Amino acid sequence: MSAIATDDTGDPPLRPLPDRAAALLAAVDAPPRLVAHLRAVHEVAADLVTWLQQHCPRPAFDADAVLPGSAWRICW
């Protein structure tokens, strides 16, 4: 399971999940499909954060909270 959360998945390349999220998913022996889904959600959130920072710098938001939040949301 941890390889799905942290390793290169090929094409398209996806960012690894935050270490704490990967550790929690490993601790509960999360199904691979759930881990893959969380990684895809995390990737989209990271892309949105990057786009917003480049194109809409005025709305203030905490990017450091958005990215881990995208991985944790389904875990709670």
N, C-alpha and C. Protein backbone atom coordinates (compact mmCIF):
# COMPACT_ATOMS: atom_id res chain seq x y z
N MET A 1 0.81 -1.18 0.00
CA MET A 1 0.00 0.00 0.00
C MET A 1 0.85 1.24 0.00
N SER A 2 1.91 1.30 0.79
CA SER A 2 2.69 2.53 0.90
C SER A 2 3.30 2.93 -0.43
N ALA A 3 3.59 1.96 -1.30
CA ALA A 3 4.15 2.30 -2.60
C ALA A 3 3.16 3.12 -3.42
N ILE A 4 1.89 2.82 -3.32
CA ILE A 4 0.87 3.57 -4.05
C ILE A 4 0.83 5.01 -3.53
N ALA A 5 1.03 5.20 -2.24
CA ALA A 5 0.94 6.53 -1.64
C ALA A 5 2.17 7.38 -1.91
N THR A 6 3.32 6.75 -2.10
CA THR A 6 4.55 7.54 -2.13
C THR A 6 5.41 7.39 -3.36
N ASP A 7 5.28 6.32 -4.10
CA ASP A 7 6.18 6.06 -5.23
C ASP A 7 5.66 6.67 -6.53
N ASP A 8 6.56 6.80 -7.49
CA ASP A 8 6.19 7.28 -8.82
C ASP A 8 5.21 6.29 -9.43
N THR A 9 4.12 6.81 -9.96
CA THR A 9 3.11 5.93 -10.54
C THR A 9 3.14 5.93 -12.06
N GLY A 10 4.13 6.60 -12.65
CA GLY A 10 4.25 6.57 -14.10
C GLY A 10 3.58 7.75 -14.76
N ASP A 11 2.76 7.46 -15.73
CA ASP A 11 2.18 8.50 -16.55
C ASP A 11 0.68 8.59 -16.30
N PRO A 12 0.13 9.66 -15.82
CA PRO A 12 0.84 10.89 -15.50
C PRO A 12 1.51 10.76 -14.13
N PRO A 13 2.62 11.47 -13.95
CA PRO A 13 3.27 11.43 -12.64
C PRO A 13 2.41 12.15 -11.60
N LEU A 14 2.32 11.59 -10.42
CA LEU A 14 1.53 12.18 -9.33
C LEU A 14 2.44 12.49 -8.16
N ARG A 15 2.14 13.57 -7.46
CA ARG A 15 2.89 13.90 -6.25
C ARG A 15 2.61 12.83 -5.20
N PRO A 16 3.58 12.54 -4.35
CA PRO A 16 3.31 11.60 -3.26
C PRO A 16 2.40 12.26 -2.22
N LEU A 17 1.70 11.44 -1.49
CA LEU A 17 0.88 11.95 -0.39
C LEU A 17 1.80 12.45 0.72
N PRO A 18 1.32 13.39 1.54
CA PRO A 18 2.11 13.81 2.70
C PRO A 18 2.44 12.60 3.57
N ASP A 19 3.59 12.64 4.22
CA ASP A 19 4.04 11.50 5.02
C ASP A 19 3.03 11.07 6.07
N ARG A 20 2.41 12.03 6.75
CA ARG A 20 1.44 11.67 7.80
C ARG A 20 0.23 10.96 7.22
N ALA A 21 -0.23 11.39 6.06
CA ALA A 21 -1.37 10.72 5.44
C ALA A 21 -0.99 9.31 5.01
N ALA A 22 0.18 9.16 4.42
CA ALA A 22 0.63 7.84 3.99
C ALA A 22 0.79 6.90 5.19
N ALA A 23 1.31 7.43 6.30
CA ALA A 23 1.48 6.61 7.50
C ALA A 23 0.13 6.17 8.07
N LEU A 24 -0.84 7.08 8.09
CA LEU A 24 -2.17 6.72 8.59
C LEU A 24 -2.81 5.66 7.70
N LEU A 25 -2.72 5.83 6.41
CA LEU A 25 -3.30 4.86 5.49
C LEU A 25 -2.64 3.49 5.64
N ALA A 26 -1.34 3.48 5.87
CA ALA A 26 -0.64 2.21 6.10
C ALA A 26 -1.08 1.58 7.42
N ALA A 27 -1.25 2.41 8.45
CA ALA A 27 -1.62 1.91 9.77
C ALA A 27 -2.99 1.24 9.77
N VAL A 28 -3.89 1.75 8.94
CA VAL A 28 -5.24 1.15 8.89
C VAL A 28 -5.38 0.16 7.74
N ASP A 29 -4.28 -0.11 7.08
CA ASP A 29 -4.27 -1.05 5.94
C ASP A 29 -5.34 -0.68 4.91
N ALA A 30 -5.30 0.59 4.51
CA ALA A 30 -6.28 1.11 3.55
C ALA A 30 -6.21 0.37 2.23
N PRO A 31 -7.34 0.16 1.59
CA PRO A 31 -7.35 -0.52 0.29
C PRO A 31 -6.61 0.31 -0.76
N PRO A 32 -5.92 -0.34 -1.68
CA PRO A 32 -5.16 0.37 -2.71
C PRO A 32 -6.00 1.36 -3.51
N ARG A 33 -7.25 1.03 -3.79
CA ARG A 33 -8.09 1.95 -4.57
C ARG A 33 -8.37 3.24 -3.81
N LEU A 34 -8.53 3.16 -2.49
CA LEU A 34 -8.72 4.36 -1.68
C LEU A 34 -7.45 5.22 -1.71
N VAL A 35 -6.32 4.58 -1.56
CA VAL A 35 -5.04 5.31 -1.58
C VAL A 35 -4.84 5.98 -2.93
N ALA A 36 -5.12 5.27 -4.00
CA ALA A 36 -4.99 5.85 -5.33
C ALA A 36 -5.93 7.04 -5.51
N HIS A 37 -7.15 6.91 -5.00
CA HIS A 37 -8.11 8.02 -5.09
C HIS A 37 -7.60 9.24 -4.33
N LEU A 38 -7.11 9.03 -3.11
CA LEU A 38 -6.60 10.14 -2.32
C LEU A 38 -5.41 10.82 -3.01
N ARG A 39 -4.60 10.01 -3.64
CA ARG A 39 -3.45 10.59 -4.33
C ARG A 39 -3.91 11.43 -5.53
N ALA A 40 -4.92 10.98 -6.23
CA ALA A 40 -5.45 11.76 -7.35
C ALA A 40 -6.08 13.06 -6.86
N VAL A 41 -6.83 13.01 -5.76
CA VAL A 41 -7.43 14.21 -5.18
C VAL A 41 -6.33 15.18 -4.74
N HIS A 42 -5.30 14.66 -4.12
CA HIS A 42 -4.17 15.48 -3.69
C HIS A 42 -3.50 16.16 -4.89
N GLU A 43 -3.37 15.47 -5.98
CA GLU A 43 -2.76 16.02 -7.19
C GLU A 43 -3.60 17.18 -7.74
N VAL A 44 -4.90 16.98 -7.81
CA VAL A 44 -5.78 18.05 -8.31
C VAL A 44 -5.71 19.26 -7.38
N ALA A 45 -5.72 19.03 -6.08
CA ALA A 45 -5.63 20.14 -5.13
C ALA A 45 -4.32 20.91 -5.31
N ALA A 46 -3.23 20.20 -5.52
CA ALA A 46 -1.93 20.85 -5.72
C ALA A 46 -1.94 21.68 -7.01
N ASP A 47 -2.53 21.14 -8.05
CA ASP A 47 -2.64 21.89 -9.31
C ASP A 47 -3.49 23.15 -9.13
N LEU A 48 -4.59 23.03 -8.40
CA LEU A 48 -5.45 24.20 -8.15
C LEU A 48 -4.72 25.26 -7.32
N VAL A 49 -4.00 24.84 -6.31
CA VAL A 49 -3.23 25.78 -5.49
C VAL A 49 -2.22 26.52 -6.36
N THR A 50 -1.50 25.81 -7.19
CA THR A 50 -0.50 26.43 -8.06
C THR A 50 -1.16 27.43 -9.00
N TRP A 51 -2.28 27.05 -9.61
CA TRP A 51 -2.97 27.93 -10.55
C TRP A 51 -3.46 29.19 -9.84
N LEU A 52 -4.08 29.01 -8.67
CA LEU A 52 -4.58 30.17 -7.92
C LEU A 52 -3.45 31.11 -7.52
N GLN A 53 -2.33 30.56 -7.08
CA GLN A 53 -1.21 31.40 -6.68
C GLN A 53 -0.67 32.20 -7.86
N GLN A 54 -0.71 31.63 -9.05
CA GLN A 54 -0.19 32.31 -10.23
C GLN A 54 -1.18 33.31 -10.83
N HIS A 55 -2.46 32.99 -10.81
CA HIS A 55 -3.45 33.79 -11.51
C HIS A 55 -4.35 34.64 -10.62
N CYS A 56 -4.48 34.29 -9.39
CA CYS A 56 -5.38 35.01 -8.47
C CYS A 56 -4.68 35.21 -7.12
N PRO A 57 -3.64 36.00 -7.08
CA PRO A 57 -2.86 36.10 -5.84
C PRO A 57 -3.59 36.82 -4.70
N ARG A 58 -4.67 37.54 -5.01
CA ARG A 58 -5.35 38.32 -3.97
C ARG A 58 -6.13 37.48 -2.96
N PRO A 59 -6.85 36.46 -3.34
CA PRO A 59 -7.55 35.71 -2.29
C PRO A 59 -6.53 35.03 -1.37
N ALA A 60 -6.61 35.33 -0.11
CA ALA A 60 -5.68 34.72 0.84
C ALA A 60 -6.19 33.33 1.23
N PHE A 61 -5.32 32.36 1.14
CA PHE A 61 -5.64 31.02 1.62
C PHE A 61 -4.34 30.37 2.05
N ASP A 62 -4.45 29.38 2.88
CA ASP A 62 -3.28 28.69 3.42
C ASP A 62 -3.01 27.43 2.59
N ALA A 63 -2.08 27.56 1.64
CA ALA A 63 -1.76 26.42 0.76
C ALA A 63 -1.25 25.24 1.58
N ASP A 64 -0.55 25.51 2.67
CA ASP A 64 -0.04 24.42 3.51
C ASP A 64 -1.15 23.67 4.23
N ALA A 65 -2.32 24.26 4.32
CA ALA A 65 -3.47 23.57 4.91
C ALA A 65 -4.29 22.85 3.83
N VAL A 66 -4.32 23.40 2.63
CA VAL A 66 -5.11 22.81 1.55
C VAL A 66 -4.55 21.46 1.14
N LEU A 67 -3.26 21.38 0.92
CA LEU A 67 -2.69 20.15 0.39
C LEU A 67 -2.80 18.97 1.35
N PRO A 68 -2.38 19.11 2.61
CA PRO A 68 -2.61 17.98 3.52
C PRO A 68 -4.10 17.71 3.71
N GLY A 69 -4.92 18.77 3.70
CA GLY A 69 -6.36 18.60 3.87
C GLY A 69 -6.96 17.76 2.76
N SER A 70 -6.43 17.89 1.56
CA SER A 70 -6.96 17.11 0.45
C SER A 70 -6.70 15.62 0.64
N ALA A 71 -5.62 15.30 1.30
CA ALA A 71 -5.29 13.89 1.56
C ALA A 71 -6.01 13.36 2.78
N TRP A 72 -6.26 14.22 3.76
CA TRP A 72 -6.87 13.78 5.00
C TRP A 72 -8.39 13.72 4.96
N ARG A 73 -9.01 14.51 4.12
CA ARG A 73 -10.45 14.69 4.13
C ARG A 73 -11.22 13.37 4.24
N ILE A 74 -10.88 12.43 3.41
CA ILE A 74 -11.63 11.17 3.39
C ILE A 74 -11.23 10.27 4.58
N CYS A 75 -10.07 10.54 5.18
CA CYS A 75 -9.61 9.72 6.30
C CYS A 75 -10.39 9.99 7.57
N TRP A 76 -11.05 11.13 7.66
CA TRP A 76 -11.76 11.46 8.90
C TRP A 76 -13.15 11.00 8.76
